[in-house]
Amino acid sequence: MAFIRQYLLPFAIVLIFSAALLAVSARIFLPTDLAAPAPVGSVVVPFGFDGLSLEGMDLRGIWAGVGVGV
């Protein structure tokens, strides 16, 4: 029990703190448009999209943005 209290728990705390510090400081290296907070406004959903299937959706615009030819 003393081994866990003296070695493992402090190591786990430092490891979690380091991971959180790395995640937060990674925002410094993001482009400015990605480092901004997420927008809180309304989301525009295409007509007929129920969020469950892609049937009837025109995906040509999405694929063109990815660089895949259709």
PDB file of N, CA and C in Angstrom:
ATOM      1  N   MET A   1       0.818  -1.197   0.000  1.00  0.00           N
ATOM      2  CA  MET A   1       0.000   0.000   0.000  1.00  0.00           C
ATOM      3  C   MET A   1       0.861   1.261   0.000  1.00  0.00           C
ATOM      4  N   ALA A   2       1.964   1.224   0.721  1.00  0.00           N
ATOM      5  CA  ALA A   2       2.840   2.388   0.762  1.00  0.00           C
ATOM      6  C   ALA A   2       3.466   2.648  -0.606  1.00  0.00           C
ATOM      7  N   PHE A   3       3.749   1.574  -1.350  1.00  0.00           N
ATOM      8  CA  PHE A   3       4.325   1.732  -2.694  1.00  0.00           C
ATOM      9  C   PHE A   3       3.362   2.476  -3.609  1.00  0.00           C
ATOM     10  N   ILE A   4       2.094   2.112  -3.510  1.00  0.00           N
ATOM     11  CA  ILE A   4       1.084   2.776  -4.347  1.00  0.00           C
ATOM     12  C   ILE A   4       0.962   4.240  -3.954  1.00  0.00           C
ATOM     13  N   ARG A   5       0.931   4.510  -2.654  1.00  0.00           N
ATOM     14  CA  ARG A   5       0.762   5.877  -2.164  1.00  0.00           C
ATOM     15  C   ARG A   5       1.991   6.748  -2.440  1.00  0.00           C
ATOM     16  N   GLN A   6       3.180   6.175  -2.377  1.00  0.00           N
ATOM     17  CA  GLN A   6       4.392   6.975  -2.527  1.00  0.00           C
ATOM     18  C   GLN A   6       4.880   7.084  -3.963  1.00  0.00           C
ATOM     19  N   TYR A   7       4.571   6.100  -4.801  1.00  0.00           N
ATOM     20  CA  TYR A   7       5.130   6.103  -6.152  1.00  0.00           C
ATOM     21  C   TYR A   7       4.076   6.162  -7.255  1.00  0.00           C
ATOM     22  N   LEU A   8       3.080   5.302  -7.190  1.00  0.00           N
ATOM     23  CA  LEU A   8       2.129   5.216  -8.295  1.00  0.00           C
ATOM     24  C   LEU A   8       1.168   6.401  -8.351  1.00  0.00           C
ATOM     25  N   LEU A   9       0.567   6.757  -7.248  1.00  0.00           N
ATOM     26  CA  LEU A   9      -0.379   7.880  -7.270  1.00  0.00           C
ATOM     27  C   LEU A   9       0.278   9.213  -7.640  1.00  0.00           C
ATOM     28  N   PRO A  10       1.429   9.580  -7.084  1.00  0.00           N
ATOM     29  CA  PRO A  10       2.065  10.824  -7.544  1.00  0.00           C
ATOM     30  C   PRO A  10       2.428  10.781  -9.031  1.00  0.00           C
ATOM     31  N   PHE A  11       2.884   9.612  -9.498  1.00  0.00           N
ATOM     32  CA  PHE A  11       3.198   9.493 -10.923  1.00  0.00           C
ATOM     33  C   PHE A  11       1.946   9.662 -11.782  1.00  0.00           C
ATOM     34  N   ALA A  12       0.836   9.066 -11.369  1.00  0.00           N
ATOM     35  CA  ALA A  12      -0.417   9.192 -12.116  1.00  0.00           C
ATOM     36  C   ALA A  12      -0.907  10.639 -12.126  1.00  0.00           C
ATOM     37  N   ILE A  13      -0.776  11.328 -11.010  1.00  0.00           N
ATOM     38  CA  ILE A  13      -1.204  12.731 -10.943  1.00  0.00           C
ATOM     39  C   ILE A  13      -0.354  13.594 -11.870  1.00  0.00           C
ATOM     40  N   VAL A  14       0.951  13.399 -11.848  1.00  0.00           N
ATOM     41  CA  VAL A  14       1.836  14.166 -12.726  1.00  0.00           C
ATOM     42  C   VAL A  14       1.564  13.831 -14.196  1.00  0.00           C
ATOM     43  N   LEU A  15       1.271  12.574 -14.494  1.00  0.00           N
ATOM     44  CA  LEU A  15       0.991  12.164 -15.865  1.00  0.00           C
ATOM     45  C   LEU A  15      -0.300  12.801 -16.378  1.00  0.00           C
ATOM     46  N   ILE A  16      -1.330  12.814 -15.556  1.00  0.00           N
ATOM     47  CA  ILE A  16      -2.598  13.439 -15.958  1.00  0.00           C
ATOM     48  C   ILE A  16      -2.427  14.943 -16.121  1.00  0.00           C
ATOM     49  N   PHE A  17      -1.721  15.582 -15.208  1.00  0.00           N
ATOM     50  CA  PHE A  17      -1.473  17.019 -15.320  1.00  0.00           C
ATOM     51  C   PHE A  17      -0.679  17.336 -16.583  1.00  0.00           C
ATOM     52  N   SER A  18       0.321  16.517 -16.886  1.00  0.00           N
ATOM     53  CA  SER A  18       1.137  16.746 -18.083  1.00  0.00           C
ATOM     54  C   SER A  18       0.311  16.586 -19.360  1.00  0.00           C
ATOM     55  N   ALA A  19      -0.561  15.595 -19.386  1.00  0.00           N
ATOM     56  CA  ALA A  19      -1.418  15.399 -20.563  1.00  0.00           C
ATOM     57  C   ALA A  19      -2.366  16.581 -20.746  1.00  0.00           C
ATOM     58  N   ALA A  20      -2.921  17.084 -19.649  1.00  0.00           N
ATOM     59  CA  ALA A  20      -3.812  18.243 -19.733  1.00  0.00           C
ATOM     60  C   ALA A  20      -3.048  19.486 -20.178  1.00  0.00           C
ATOM     61  N   LEU A  21      -1.845  19.665 -19.659  1.00  0.00           N
ATOM     62  CA  LEU A  21      -1.028  20.811 -20.057  1.00  0.00           C
ATOM     63  C   LEU A  21      -0.656  20.738 -21.534  1.00  0.00           C
ATOM     64  N   LEU A  22      -0.340  19.559 -22.007  1.00  0.00           N
ATOM     65  CA  LEU A  22      -0.015  19.374 -23.424  1.00  0.00           C
ATOM     66  C   LEU A  22      -1.220  19.667 -24.307  1.00  0.00           C
ATOM     67  N   ALA A  23      -2.397  19.203 -23.910  1.00  0.00           N
ATOM     68  CA  ALA A  23      -3.606  19.442 -24.700  1.00  0.00           C
ATOM     69  C   ALA A  23      -3.953  20.928 -24.759  1.00  0.00           C
ATOM     70  N   VAL A  24      -3.797  21.628 -23.643  1.00  0.00           N
ATOM     71  CA  VAL A  24      -4.130  23.053 -23.619  1.00  0.00           C
ATOM     72  C   VAL A  24      -3.085  23.873 -24.375  1.00  0.00           C
ATOM     73  N   SER A  25      -1.827  23.520 -24.227  1.00  0.00           N
ATOM     74  CA  SER A  25      -0.794  24.317 -24.891  1.00  0.00           C
ATOM     75  C   SER A  25      -0.691  24.006 -26.378  1.00  0.00           C
ATOM     76  N   ALA A  26      -1.308  22.937 -26.846  1.00  0.00           N
ATOM     77  CA  ALA A  26      -1.279  22.626 -28.280  1.00  0.00           C
ATOM     78  C   ALA A  26      -2.045  23.677 -29.076  1.00  0.00           C
ATOM     79  N   ARG A  27      -2.939  24.402 -28.434  1.00  0.00           N
ATOM     80  CA  ARG A  27      -3.702  25.447 -29.142  1.00  0.00           C
ATOM     81  C   ARG A  27      -2.802  26.574 -29.641  1.00  0.00           C
ATOM     82  N   ILE A  28      -1.637  26.732 -29.056  1.00  0.00           N
ATOM     83  CA  ILE A  28      -0.718  27.781 -29.499  1.00  0.00           C
ATOM     84  C   ILE A  28      -0.293  27.547 -30.937  1.00  0.00           C
ATOM     85  N   PHE A  29      -0.163  26.285 -31.317  1.00  0.00           N
ATOM     86  CA  PHE A  29       0.363  25.950 -32.632  1.00  0.00           C
ATOM     87  C   PHE A  29      -0.714  25.775 -33.688  1.00  0.00           C
ATOM     88  N   LEU A  30      -1.985  25.914 -33.324  1.00  0.00           N
ATOM     89  CA  LEU A  30      -3.062  25.805 -34.304  1.00  0.00           C
ATOM     90  C   LEU A  30      -3.175  27.098 -35.096  1.00  0.00           C
ATOM     91  N   PRO A  31      -3.648  27.009 -36.337  1.00  0.00           N
ATOM     92  CA  PRO A  31      -3.938  28.245 -37.077  1.00  0.00           C
ATOM     93  C   PRO A  31      -4.999  29.058 -36.323  1.00  0.00           C
ATOM     94  N   THR A  32      -5.017  30.338 -36.547  1.00  0.00           N
ATOM     95  CA  THR A  32      -5.901  31.210 -35.770  1.00  0.00           C
ATOM     96  C   THR A  32      -7.365  30.858 -35.961  1.00  0.00           C
ATOM     97  N   ASP A  33      -7.778  30.381 -37.140  1.00  0.00           N
ATOM     98  CA  ASP A  33      -9.188  30.066 -37.325  1.00  0.00           C
ATOM     99  C   ASP A  33      -9.583  28.791 -36.577  1.00  0.00           C
ATOM    100  N   LEU A  34      -8.636  27.905 -36.296  1.00  0.00           N
ATOM    101  CA  LEU A  34      -8.952  26.690 -35.549  1.00  0.00           C
ATOM    102  C   LEU A  34      -8.824  26.897 -34.042  1.00  0.00           C
ATOM    103  N   ALA A  35      -8.072  27.899 -33.622  1.00  0.00           N
ATOM    104  CA  ALA A  35      -7.874  28.139 -32.200  1.00  0.00           C
ATOM    105  C   ALA A  35      -9.043  28.908 -31.587  1.00  0.00           C
ATOM    106  N   ALA A  36      -9.925  29.436 -32.433  1.00  0.00           N
ATOM    107  CA  ALA A  36     -11.065  30.200 -31.920  1.00  0.00           C
ATOM    108  C   ALA A  36     -12.076  29.267 -31.270  1.00  0.00           C
ATOM    109  N   PRO A  37     -12.861  29.781 -30.348  1.00  0.00           N
ATOM    110  CA  PRO A  37     -13.907  28.953 -29.741  1.00  0.00           C
ATOM    111  C   PRO A  37     -14.947  28.538 -30.778  1.00  0.00           C
ATOM    112  N   ALA A  38     -15.645  27.475 -30.512  1.00  0.00           N
ATOM    113  CA  ALA A  38     -16.684  26.996 -31.427  1.00  0.00           C
ATOM    114  C   ALA A  38     -17.831  27.996 -31.475  1.00  0.00           C
ATOM    115  N   PRO A  39     -18.441  28.174 -32.640  1.00  0.00           N
ATOM    116  CA  PRO A  39     -19.573  29.098 -32.737  1.00  0.00           C
ATOM    117  C   PRO A  39     -20.767  28.574 -31.943  1.00  0.00           C
ATOM    118  N   VAL A  40     -21.533  29.506 -31.397  1.00  0.00           N
ATOM    119  CA  VAL A  40     -22.660  29.127 -30.558  1.00  0.00           C
ATOM    120  C   VAL A  40     -23.972  29.316 -31.299  1.00  0.00           C
ATOM    121  N   GLY A  41     -23.927  29.906 -32.488  1.00  0.00           N
ATOM    122  CA  GLY A  41     -25.150  30.196 -33.245  1.00  0.00           C
ATOM    123  C   GLY A  41     -25.834  28.949 -33.754  1.00  0.00           C
ATOM    124  N   SER A  42     -26.873  29.169 -34.551  1.00  0.00           N
ATOM    125  CA  SER A  42     -27.647  28.052 -35.082  1.00  0.00           C
ATOM    126  C   SER A  42     -26.865  27.330 -36.175  1.00  0.00           C
ATOM    127  N   VAL A  43     -27.186  26.067 -36.345  1.00  0.00           N
ATOM    128  CA  VAL A  43     -26.534  25.231 -37.331  1.00  0.00           C
ATOM    129  C   VAL A  43     -27.476  25.056 -38.509  1.00  0.00           C
ATOM    130  N   VAL A  44     -26.975  25.230 -39.731  1.00  0.00           N
ATOM    131  CA  VAL A  44     -27.784  25.065 -40.921  1.00  0.00           C
ATOM    132  C   VAL A  44     -27.748  23.596 -41.324  1.00  0.00           C
ATOM    133  N   VAL A  45     -28.923  22.960 -41.322  1.00  0.00           N
ATOM    134  CA  VAL A  45     -29.029  21.549 -41.682  1.00  0.00           C
ATOM    135  C   VAL A  45     -29.676  21.461 -43.056  1.00  0.00           C
ATOM    136  N   PRO A  46     -29.077  20.680 -43.985  1.00  0.00           N
ATOM    137  CA  PRO A  46     -29.683  20.554 -45.316  1.00  0.00           C
ATOM    138  C   PRO A  46     -31.089  19.976 -45.232  1.00  0.00           C
ATOM    139  N   PHE A  47     -31.954  20.404 -46.136  1.00  0.00           N
ATOM    140  CA  PHE A  47     -33.346  19.949 -46.153  1.00  0.00           C
ATOM    141  C   PHE A  47     -33.400  18.442 -46.385  1.00  0.00           C
ATOM    142  N   GLY A  48     -34.146  17.736 -45.573  1.00  0.00           N
ATOM    143  CA  GLY A  48     -34.319  16.307 -45.742  1.00  0.00           C
ATOM    144  C   GLY A  48     -33.289  15.473 -45.006  1.00  0.00           C
ATOM    145  N   PHE A  49     -32.376  16.084 -44.307  1.00  0.00           N
ATOM    146  CA  PHE A  49     -31.354  15.324 -43.584  1.00  0.00           C
ATOM    147  C   PHE A  49     -31.856  15.056 -42.178  1.00  0.00           C
ATOM    148  N   ASP A  50     -32.000  13.767 -41.846  1.00  0.00           N
ATOM    149  CA  ASP A  50     -32.511  13.411 -40.528  1.00  0.00           C
ATOM    150  C   ASP A  50     -31.402  13.090 -39.540  1.00  0.00           C
ATOM    151  N   GLY A  51     -30.149  13.104 -39.980  1.00  0.00           N
ATOM    152  CA  GLY A  51     -29.030  12.834 -39.096  1.00  0.00           C
ATOM    153  C   GLY A  51     -28.709  11.364 -38.958  1.00  0.00           C
ATOM    154  N   LEU A  52     -29.532  10.507 -39.545  1.00  0.00           N
ATOM    155  CA  LEU A  52     -29.326   9.078 -39.394  1.00  0.00           C
ATOM    156  C   LEU A  52     -28.824   8.415 -40.673  1.00  0.00           C
ATOM    157  N   SER A  53     -29.276   8.891 -41.827  1.00  0.00           N
ATOM    158  CA  SER A  53     -28.878   8.250 -43.078  1.00  0.00           C
ATOM    159  C   SER A  53     -28.460   9.312 -44.082  1.00  0.00           C
ATOM    160  N   LEU A  54     -27.769   8.874 -45.110  1.00  0.00           N
ATOM    161  CA  LEU A  54     -27.327   9.794 -46.161  1.00  0.00           C
ATOM    162  C   LEU A  54     -28.109   9.577 -47.449  1.00  0.00           C
ATOM    163  N   GLU A  55     -29.218   8.848 -47.383  1.00  0.00           N
ATOM    164  CA  GLU A  55     -30.015   8.619 -48.578  1.00  0.00           C
ATOM    165  C   GLU A  55     -30.627   9.931 -49.043  1.00  0.00           C
ATOM    166  N   GLY A  56     -30.543  10.175 -50.327  1.00  0.00           N
ATOM    167  CA  GLY A  56     -31.130  11.369 -50.904  1.00  0.00           C
ATOM    168  C   GLY A  56     -30.275  12.614 -50.739  1.00  0.00           C
ATOM    169  N   MET A  57     -29.117  12.499 -50.114  1.00  0.00           N
ATOM    170  CA  MET A  57     -28.250  13.658 -49.937  1.00  0.00           C
ATOM    171  C   MET A  57     -27.331  13.793 -51.150  1.00  0.00           C
ATOM    172  N   ASP A  58     -27.084  15.001 -51.575  1.00  0.00           N
ATOM    173  CA  ASP A  58     -26.151  15.256 -52.666  1.00  0.00           C
ATOM    174  C   ASP A  58     -24.776  15.479 -52.051  1.00  0.00           C
ATOM    175  N   LEU A  59     -23.905  14.489 -52.165  1.00  0.00           N
ATOM    176  CA  LEU A  59     -22.603  14.539 -51.519  1.00  0.00           C
ATOM    177  C   LEU A  59     -21.500  15.051 -52.437  1.00  0.00           C
ATOM    178  N   ARG A  60     -21.865  15.515 -53.636  1.00  0.00           N
ATOM    179  CA  ARG A  60     -20.820  15.972 -54.554  1.00  0.00           C
ATOM    180  C   ARG A  60     -20.053  17.168 -54.004  1.00  0.00           C
ATOM    181  N   GLY A  61     -20.738  18.063 -53.325  1.00  0.00           N
ATOM    182  CA  GLY A  61     -20.048  19.218 -52.750  1.00  0.00           C
ATOM    183  C   GLY A  61     -19.099  18.833 -51.644  1.00  0.00           C
ATOM    184  N   ILE A  62     -19.501  17.837 -50.841  1.00  0.00           N
ATOM    185  CA  ILE A  62     -18.649  17.380 -49.758  1.00  0.00           C
ATOM    186  C   ILE A  62     -17.411  16.699 -50.325  1.00  0.00           C
ATOM    187  N   TRP A  63     -17.606  15.815 -51.314  1.00  0.00           N
ATOM    188  CA  TRP A  63     -16.478  15.093 -51.901  1.00  0.00           C
ATOM    189  C   TRP A  63     -15.554  16.040 -52.646  1.00  0.00           C
ATOM    190  N   ALA A  64     -16.091  17.100 -53.253  1.00  0.00           N
ATOM    191  CA  ALA A  64     -15.249  18.051 -53.964  1.00  0.00           C
ATOM    192  C   ALA A  64     -14.361  18.803 -52.969  1.00  0.00           C
ATOM    193  N   GLY A  65     -14.882  19.061 -51.776  1.00  0.00           N
ATOM    194  CA  GLY A  65     -14.086  19.740 -50.757  1.00  0.00           C
ATOM    195  C   GLY A  65     -12.957  18.881 -50.233  1.00  0.00           C
ATOM    196  N   VAL A  66     -13.144  17.562 -50.285  1.00  0.00           N
ATOM    197  CA  VAL A  66     -12.122  16.647 -49.804  1.00  0.00           C
ATOM    198  C   VAL A  66     -11.067  16.418 -50.874  1.00  0.00           C
ATOM    199  N   GLY A  67     -11.434  16.691 -52.130  1.00  0.00           N
ATOM    200  CA  GLY A  67     -10.485  16.499 -53.230  1.00  0.00           C
ATOM    201  C   GLY A  67     -10.683  15.202 -53.975  1.00  0.00           C
ATOM    202  N   VAL A  68     -11.832  14.570 -53.770  1.00  0.00           N
ATOM    203  CA  VAL A  68     -12.158  13.329 -54.460  1.00  0.00           C
ATOM    204  C   VAL A  68     -13.054  13.674 -55.631  1.00  0.00           C
ATOM    205  N   GLY A  69     -12.699  13.206 -56.806  1.00  0.00           N
ATOM    206  CA  GLY A  69     -13.525  13.474 -57.994  1.00  0.00           C
ATOM    207  C   GLY A  69     -14.724  12.557 -58.048  1.00  0.00           C
ATOM    208  N   VAL A  70     -15.878  13.136 -58.417  1.00  0.00           N
ATOM    209  CA  VAL A  70     -17.079  12.299 -58.568  1.00  0.00           C
ATOM    210  C   VAL A  70     -17.557  12.375 -59.980  1.00  0.00           C
TER     211      VAL A  70
END
